[in-house]
Every structure is written in C-alpha cells, then in structure tokens.
Amino acid sequence: MAIHLLSYLKDQFTPGVIDQLSTELNETPASTLKAVTGSLPVLLGALTQRVQTTGGATSMISFLDKGDYGNTPLEVAQVTDSHQETVETSSAARAFLDKIFDDKLTGTTDLISSYSGVKKESALTILELAGSILMGTLGRQEQENGLTAHSLTTLLKGQASDFKTALPSGLDAAGSLLGFNDLVTPSGPPTEVQGTDNFSGTVINPNIPKSDEGDRRRENVRWLRWAMFAIAALVIALLVQKCSQNQNGVDGVSTDSTSRVESNAAEDTSAATKRSIEDANGQAADSTAPGALGIRDSTDSK
C-alpha cells in the first residue's frame, strides 16, 4: 500500500522531539503533544481539500516543482535541538501553508491554540514544522520520482476519511472552517495508484505512488539535457575552428596562409615580355587607349 501520511507525520513527533520542542517553545509537553495531535489531521485534511478544487492539484504540483529541498529536513528531530534551526525550518514552510490554507491560516492557528492551550505562535510553529516535513516529502517525490497532480490527488483522497476521523472533537470548528465534511474516501477497491507500492518505504524515498506521466517527463528531461550537451559541444568546436584560422593584424579577416602576394615593384617589365605581349595582343602600351585592338596608336602604325 501507499504511504499512510498521517502515520508518517505522527512518527516524526517522538516523545524526545516533543520534549525538545516544548523547551524551544516554552510550552508544557502535554500541551505541545495536544497541539501536534490536532495539527496533523488539520494539515492533511486542508491539503486534501485544496487539491480537490478546480486546478488545485496542478497548482500544488507546480508549487512543489519550484522548491529547493536541499536544506529541508527529512525528520523533525533534525531541527528541534536548536532554536535557530527550528525557526528557520518553520519559516521556510510558511509559503506552503499559505498555499494550502489561503486566508484561513490565521483562523486555523487560533483554533489549534485554543484547543491545545499553547500560544498562537507555538501553534503556528508546530503547524509549520509538520508542513516542512510534508512539503519536503512530496516535493522530493515530485522532482525526483514523478509525483503528478493525478497521483497526489488519488493518494490524498484515498486517505481522506482517516484525516477526518483523526480530527479531535475539540477541533470541530476547524473542520467546519476548512470544509472537512467533504473529506470522504471513494468507495470501492483501492485504485492502482493508491494501492501500489512503487517506492521503498524509507525517509528519503517513502512509498508515494508515481505514474507513467512522471516517467515520460523524466525521460524528456534526460533527452533535453543530452541535446543541450551536444549543442554546446558543437558550438565549442566551431569556436575552436574559427580561432585556429589565420587572421591579419588589421581587421581580423581570415586569410589563406598559403597564398603569396607580389608587390607591383616585382612586375616583369623586360623587353622580351613586352614583345611577347605585343605579338599576342597587337600592342604593348596601355590597352585602354582609344582605337581598335592592335591599331590604337595611329602614329606608330604609319
């Protein structure tokens, strides 16, 4: 089966992480855990609602495709032992949350804060940390393994009922705000994408489904990359050839290095040459003089 997203995120917040996060946020571990328990289904449910809107899934994939996940943590535990890392990680996910919740992010954060007893700032940080892990997981799959709008939608809808059921009763208002009544997993057997384990179930490559569309896209990218290499090699070869040609020092025009130019001073003006020209052409003087060829100098012909 495909990765169960709610369980995947819950496993991130171990007791040790909760303790560290509580210290960072200056909250009690019990309140922090309660905020986490409420935030995760809210986050996943809101994302599911978002991809089901017209153009929502395509827009989300486009957002993920533009991301740089080199510094995105693979696990929450990587960033909760340092306040600076916690702040930087949570801030990096803010755009992702804005994409999911739109103008309902502030209202959702307030409801999580009231439910759990943590400060509003702490509730937002917890939501952002969970969002960072989710964004990195989906983003890497989109860029490296071909997660598409269709497979993302299928993955989320296939677990929609679980997200709705996991929402604590004290957060019913958040469910109403985000439209959780529409979170229903389609009836019938699992679809091919939802039910197939295409990827290994590791932190780096969780078994999130891919599709043929993703494979085709990656093949197109490979083909384009090799075509660019070939064009670059051709341009370099042309430049090398151009630079190897002889050029004069005045205007850079290529010249034939084998040619030999004789100056006018070397022109053959001997008497024998003149007689040869006269015999061949009828005259040895200026051929541009008026008169018919061979008799243009009337004075000499008399």
Protein backbone atom coordinates (compact mmCIF):
# COMPACT_ATOMS: atom_id res chain seq x y z
CA MET A 1 0.00 0.00 0.00
CA ALA A 2 1.00 3.60 -0.47
CA ILE A 3 2.44 5.50 2.45
CA HIS A 4 -0.07 6.45 5.17
CA LEU A 5 0.62 10.15 5.51
CA LEU A 6 -0.95 10.68 8.93
CA SER A 7 1.06 7.87 10.49
CA TYR A 8 4.18 9.07 8.69
CA LEU A 9 3.87 12.55 10.25
CA LYS A 10 2.91 11.22 13.68
CA ASP A 11 6.07 9.12 13.75
CA GLN A 12 8.09 12.31 13.36
CA PHE A 13 6.98 13.66 16.73
CA THR A 14 8.53 11.14 19.09
CA PRO A 15 8.48 11.72 22.88
CA GLY A 16 12.02 13.05 22.64
CA VAL A 17 11.04 15.51 19.91
CA ILE A 18 8.02 16.64 21.93
CA ASP A 19 10.26 17.32 24.92
CA GLN A 20 12.76 19.28 22.86
CA LEU A 21 10.05 21.21 21.06
CA SER A 22 8.33 22.04 24.34
CA THR A 23 11.56 23.52 25.65
CA GLU A 24 12.08 25.53 22.45
CA LEU A 25 8.55 26.90 22.54
CA ASN A 26 8.39 27.31 26.31
CA GLU A 27 5.29 25.12 26.47
CA THR A 28 4.41 22.06 28.54
CA PRO A 29 4.96 18.67 26.85
CA ALA A 30 1.26 17.81 27.33
CA SER A 31 0.09 20.98 25.58
CA THR A 32 2.65 20.56 22.82
CA LEU A 33 1.57 16.97 22.18
CA LYS A 34 -2.06 18.05 22.09
CA ALA A 35 -1.24 20.76 19.56
CA VAL A 36 0.61 18.24 17.39
CA THR A 37 -2.27 15.74 17.59
CA GLY A 38 -4.66 18.41 16.35
CA SER A 39 -2.36 19.98 13.76
CA LEU A 40 -1.57 16.89 11.71
CA PRO A 41 -5.09 15.92 10.58
CA VAL A 42 -5.89 19.60 10.08
CA LEU A 43 -2.87 19.99 7.79
CA LEU A 44 -3.56 16.85 5.75
CA GLY A 45 -7.28 17.49 5.56
CA ALA A 46 -6.74 21.04 4.35
CA LEU A 47 -4.28 19.82 1.70
CA THR A 48 -6.80 17.22 0.53
CA GLN A 49 -9.47 19.88 0.22
CA ARG A 50 -7.06 22.11 -1.66
CA VAL A 51 -6.16 19.54 -4.34
CA GLN A 52 -9.82 18.71 -4.92
CA THR A 53 -10.66 22.26 -6.00
CA THR A 54 -10.53 23.13 -9.68
CA GLY A 55 -6.90 23.35 -10.71
CA GLY A 56 -5.81 22.84 -7.10
CA ALA A 57 -3.73 19.70 -7.65
CA THR A 58 -1.94 21.14 -10.69
CA SER A 59 -1.22 24.35 -8.81
CA MET A 60 0.19 22.39 -5.86
CA ILE A 61 2.45 20.29 -8.10
CA SER A 62 3.68 23.47 -9.78
CA PHE A 63 4.49 24.93 -6.36
CA LEU A 64 6.38 21.79 -5.31
CA ASP A 65 8.29 21.70 -8.59
CA LYS A 66 9.79 25.15 -7.93
CA GLY A 67 11.06 24.27 -4.45
CA ASP A 68 14.64 23.67 -3.37
CA TYR A 69 14.66 20.83 -0.83
CA GLY A 70 18.38 20.62 -0.23
CA ASN A 71 18.04 22.09 3.26
CA THR A 72 14.56 20.77 4.04
CA PRO A 73 14.85 18.32 6.96
CA LEU A 74 13.97 14.68 6.50
CA GLU A 75 12.85 14.43 10.12
CA VAL A 76 11.62 16.93 12.72
CA ALA A 77 14.27 15.63 15.13
CA GLN A 78 16.94 17.22 12.95
CA VAL A 79 15.83 20.76 13.80
CA THR A 80 14.36 20.72 17.33
CA ASP A 81 17.64 20.71 19.24
CA SER A 82 18.44 24.28 18.13
CA HIS A 83 16.14 27.27 18.39
CA GLN A 84 17.67 28.83 15.29
CA GLU A 85 17.12 25.69 13.22
CA THR A 86 13.56 25.41 14.47
CA VAL A 87 12.81 28.99 13.46
CA GLU A 88 14.46 28.69 10.05
CA THR A 89 12.70 25.42 9.23
CA SER A 90 9.29 26.65 10.31
CA SER A 91 9.69 29.90 8.37
CA ALA A 92 10.67 28.04 5.19
CA ALA A 93 7.35 26.19 5.21
CA ARG A 94 5.20 29.30 5.56
CA ALA A 95 4.62 29.66 1.82
CA PHE A 96 3.50 26.02 1.67
CA LEU A 97 0.94 26.62 4.43
CA ASP A 98 -0.29 29.77 2.73
CA LYS A 99 -0.77 27.71 -0.44
CA ILE A 100 -2.82 25.14 1.47
CA PHE A 101 -4.87 27.30 3.84
CA ASP A 102 -5.06 30.51 1.83
CA ASP A 103 -6.75 33.15 4.02
CA LYS A 104 -7.80 30.60 6.65
CA LEU A 105 -4.34 30.04 8.15
CA THR A 106 -4.70 32.59 10.95
CA GLY A 107 -8.15 31.32 11.92
CA THR A 108 -6.93 27.72 11.90
CA THR A 109 -3.93 28.57 14.07
CA ASP A 110 -6.15 30.35 16.58
CA LEU A 111 -8.40 27.30 16.84
CA ILE A 112 -5.44 24.95 17.41
CA SER A 113 -4.10 27.31 20.06
CA SER A 114 -7.43 27.43 21.90
CA TYR A 115 -7.84 23.65 21.70
CA SER A 116 -4.35 22.72 22.95
CA GLY A 117 -3.58 25.58 25.32
CA VAL A 118 -0.32 26.61 23.58
CA LYS A 119 0.38 30.13 22.43
CA LYS A 120 -0.73 31.13 18.94
CA GLU A 121 2.90 31.50 17.90
CA SER A 122 3.64 27.99 19.16
CA ALA A 123 0.64 26.55 17.31
CA LEU A 124 1.86 28.16 14.09
CA THR A 125 5.39 26.82 14.60
CA ILE A 126 4.11 23.27 15.12
CA LEU A 127 1.96 23.53 12.01
CA GLU A 128 4.92 24.87 10.06
CA LEU A 129 7.27 22.10 11.23
CA ALA A 130 4.78 19.45 10.18
CA GLY A 131 4.26 21.33 6.93
CA SER A 132 8.00 21.40 6.29
CA ILE A 133 8.29 17.62 6.54
CA LEU A 134 5.22 17.10 4.36
CA MET A 135 6.43 19.64 1.79
CA GLY A 136 9.88 18.05 1.61
CA THR A 137 8.45 14.56 1.27
CA LEU A 138 6.06 15.46 -1.53
CA GLY A 139 8.46 17.88 -3.18
CA ARG A 140 11.28 15.37 -3.48
CA GLN A 141 8.90 12.81 -4.93
CA GLU A 142 7.63 15.34 -7.45
CA GLN A 143 11.10 16.36 -8.60
CA GLU A 144 12.85 13.01 -8.46
CA ASN A 145 10.23 10.31 -8.86
CA GLY A 146 7.47 11.84 -10.92
CA LEU A 147 4.65 12.54 -8.45
CA THR A 148 1.88 14.09 -10.55
CA ALA A 149 -1.30 16.03 -9.91
CA HIS A 150 -3.36 12.90 -10.51
CA SER A 151 -1.36 10.63 -8.22
CA LEU A 152 -1.23 13.30 -5.48
CA THR A 153 -5.00 13.67 -5.60
CA THR A 154 -5.52 9.92 -5.57
CA LEU A 155 -3.12 9.49 -2.67
CA LEU A 156 -4.85 12.12 -0.52
CA LYS A 157 -8.43 11.15 -1.40
CA GLY A 158 -7.61 7.54 -0.64
CA GLN A 159 -6.87 8.55 2.98
CA ALA A 160 -9.35 11.42 3.35
CA SER A 161 -11.65 9.55 5.73
CA ASP A 162 -8.68 8.83 8.02
CA PHE A 163 -7.83 12.53 8.21
CA LYS A 164 -11.42 13.39 9.07
CA THR A 165 -11.70 10.67 11.73
CA ALA A 166 -8.42 11.72 13.35
CA LEU A 167 -9.60 15.28 13.90
CA PRO A 168 -10.15 15.72 17.68
CA SER A 169 -13.67 16.60 18.76
CA GLY A 170 -12.39 19.84 20.25
CA LEU A 171 -11.37 20.96 16.76
CA ASP A 172 -14.73 20.56 15.09
CA ALA A 173 -14.71 24.28 14.41
CA ALA A 174 -11.53 23.87 12.36
CA GLY A 175 -13.18 21.06 10.41
CA SER A 176 -16.13 23.33 9.63
CA LEU A 177 -13.82 26.20 8.69
CA LEU A 178 -11.88 24.04 6.25
CA GLY A 179 -14.84 22.05 4.91
CA PHE A 180 -13.93 18.66 6.35
CA ASN A 181 -17.45 17.36 5.76
CA ASP A 182 -16.36 16.75 2.16
CA LEU A 183 -13.45 14.54 3.21
CA VAL A 184 -14.61 11.10 2.12
CA THR A 185 -12.52 8.30 0.71
CA PRO A 186 -14.11 6.99 -2.53
CA SER A 187 -15.83 3.65 -2.04
CA GLY A 188 -14.66 0.51 -3.79
CA PRO A 189 -11.29 -1.22 -4.10
CA PRO A 190 -8.09 0.83 -3.92
CA THR A 191 -7.11 2.41 -7.20
CA GLU A 192 -4.00 1.24 -9.00
CA VAL A 193 -2.00 4.28 -7.91
CA GLN A 194 -3.17 4.26 -4.30
CA GLY A 195 -2.62 0.58 -3.81
CA THR A 196 0.74 0.02 -5.49
CA ASP A 197 3.98 0.22 -3.56
CA ASN A 198 6.19 1.84 -6.19
CA PHE A 199 8.81 3.28 -3.89
CA SER A 200 10.79 1.96 -0.96
CA GLY A 201 9.34 2.95 2.39
CA THR A 202 12.31 4.98 3.63
CA VAL A 203 12.53 8.52 4.93
CA ILE A 204 14.26 9.68 1.77
CA ASN A 205 12.02 7.72 -0.59
CA PRO A 206 8.71 6.87 1.08
CA ASN A 207 6.43 4.68 -0.99
CA ILE A 208 4.44 7.53 -2.53
CA PRO A 209 2.97 6.45 -5.86
CA LYS A 210 4.20 7.61 -9.22
CA SER A 211 2.67 7.40 -12.69
CA ASP A 212 3.64 6.87 -16.32
CA GLU A 213 3.29 10.60 -16.85
CA GLY A 214 6.11 11.17 -14.39
CA ASP A 215 8.31 8.63 -16.17
CA ARG A 216 7.73 10.32 -19.50
CA ARG A 217 8.53 13.70 -18.03
CA ARG A 218 11.85 12.46 -16.62
CA GLU A 219 12.75 10.86 -19.97
CA ASN A 220 12.04 14.17 -21.71
CA VAL A 221 14.27 15.98 -19.25
CA ARG A 222 17.11 13.48 -19.88
CA TRP A 223 16.74 13.82 -23.66
CA LEU A 224 16.76 17.61 -23.42
CA ARG A 225 19.87 17.53 -21.22
CA TRP A 226 21.82 15.42 -23.73
CA ALA A 227 20.65 17.61 -26.61
CA MET A 228 21.96 20.69 -24.80
CA PHE A 229 25.32 18.96 -24.23
CA ALA A 230 25.55 18.12 -27.95
CA ILE A 231 24.74 21.69 -28.98
CA ALA A 232 27.30 23.07 -26.54
CA ALA A 233 29.98 20.70 -27.93
CA LEU A 234 29.18 21.81 -31.49
CA VAL A 235 29.45 25.49 -30.57
CA ILE A 236 32.80 24.90 -28.85
CA ALA A 237 34.11 23.03 -31.90
CA LEU A 238 33.09 25.89 -34.20
CA LEU A 239 34.76 28.43 -31.93
CA VAL A 240 37.98 26.40 -31.85
CA GLN A 241 37.97 26.11 -35.63
CA LYS A 242 37.39 29.83 -36.01
CA CYS A 243 40.20 30.70 -33.63
CA SER A 244 42.65 28.39 -35.44
CA GLN A 245 42.27 30.25 -38.75
CA ASN A 246 44.98 32.80 -39.71
CA GLN A 247 43.93 36.41 -39.33
CA ASN A 248 45.75 39.60 -40.31
CA GLY A 249 46.53 42.18 -37.69
CA VAL A 250 44.37 44.94 -39.17
CA ASP A 251 40.76 43.83 -39.43
CA GLY A 252 40.69 40.20 -38.24
CA VAL A 253 39.73 38.85 -41.66
CA SER A 254 40.81 35.26 -42.22
CA THR A 255 43.42 34.80 -44.95
CA ASP A 256 44.93 31.89 -46.80
CA SER A 257 48.33 31.30 -45.25
CA THR A 258 49.49 29.51 -48.42
CA SER A 259 48.88 32.47 -50.74
CA ARG A 260 51.72 34.76 -51.84
CA VAL A 261 51.13 38.39 -52.74
CA GLU A 262 53.60 40.07 -55.06
CA SER A 263 54.05 43.81 -54.94
CA ASN A 264 53.82 45.98 -58.01
CA ALA A 265 57.58 46.55 -57.77
CA ALA A 266 58.13 42.94 -58.78
CA GLU A 267 56.20 43.29 -62.06
CA ASP A 268 58.09 41.94 -65.12
CA THR A 269 58.80 44.87 -67.49
CA SER A 270 61.59 43.37 -69.58
CA ALA A 271 61.80 43.98 -73.35
CA ALA A 272 61.20 40.30 -74.10
CA THR A 273 57.99 40.32 -72.08
CA LYS A 274 56.79 43.46 -73.85
CA ARG A 275 57.47 41.92 -77.27
CA SER A 276 55.57 38.79 -76.22
CA ILE A 277 52.60 40.88 -75.19
CA GLU A 278 52.77 42.88 -78.43
CA ASP A 279 52.81 39.72 -80.53
CA ALA A 280 49.88 38.29 -78.62
CA ASN A 281 47.72 41.38 -78.41
CA GLY A 282 48.98 43.71 -81.07
CA GLN A 283 50.39 46.26 -78.65
CA ALA A 284 52.47 46.61 -75.53
CA ALA A 285 51.23 50.01 -74.45
CA ASP A 286 48.11 50.91 -72.46
CA SER A 287 45.27 48.67 -73.61
CA THR A 288 42.74 51.22 -72.50
CA ALA A 289 43.80 53.72 -75.21
CA PRO A 290 41.13 54.51 -77.85
CA GLY A 291 41.14 52.72 -81.17
CA ALA A 292 40.76 49.18 -82.39
CA LEU A 293 42.87 46.43 -80.79
CA GLY A 294 46.38 46.46 -82.32
CA ILE A 295 45.99 49.78 -84.19
CA ARG A 296 45.05 52.16 -81.38
CA ASP A 297 48.26 54.21 -81.86
CA SER A 298 47.77 55.52 -85.40
CA THR A 299 51.05 57.41 -85.28
CA ASP A 300 53.12 54.25 -84.71
CA SER A 301 51.32 52.26 -87.42
CA LYS A 302 52.24 54.67 -90.18
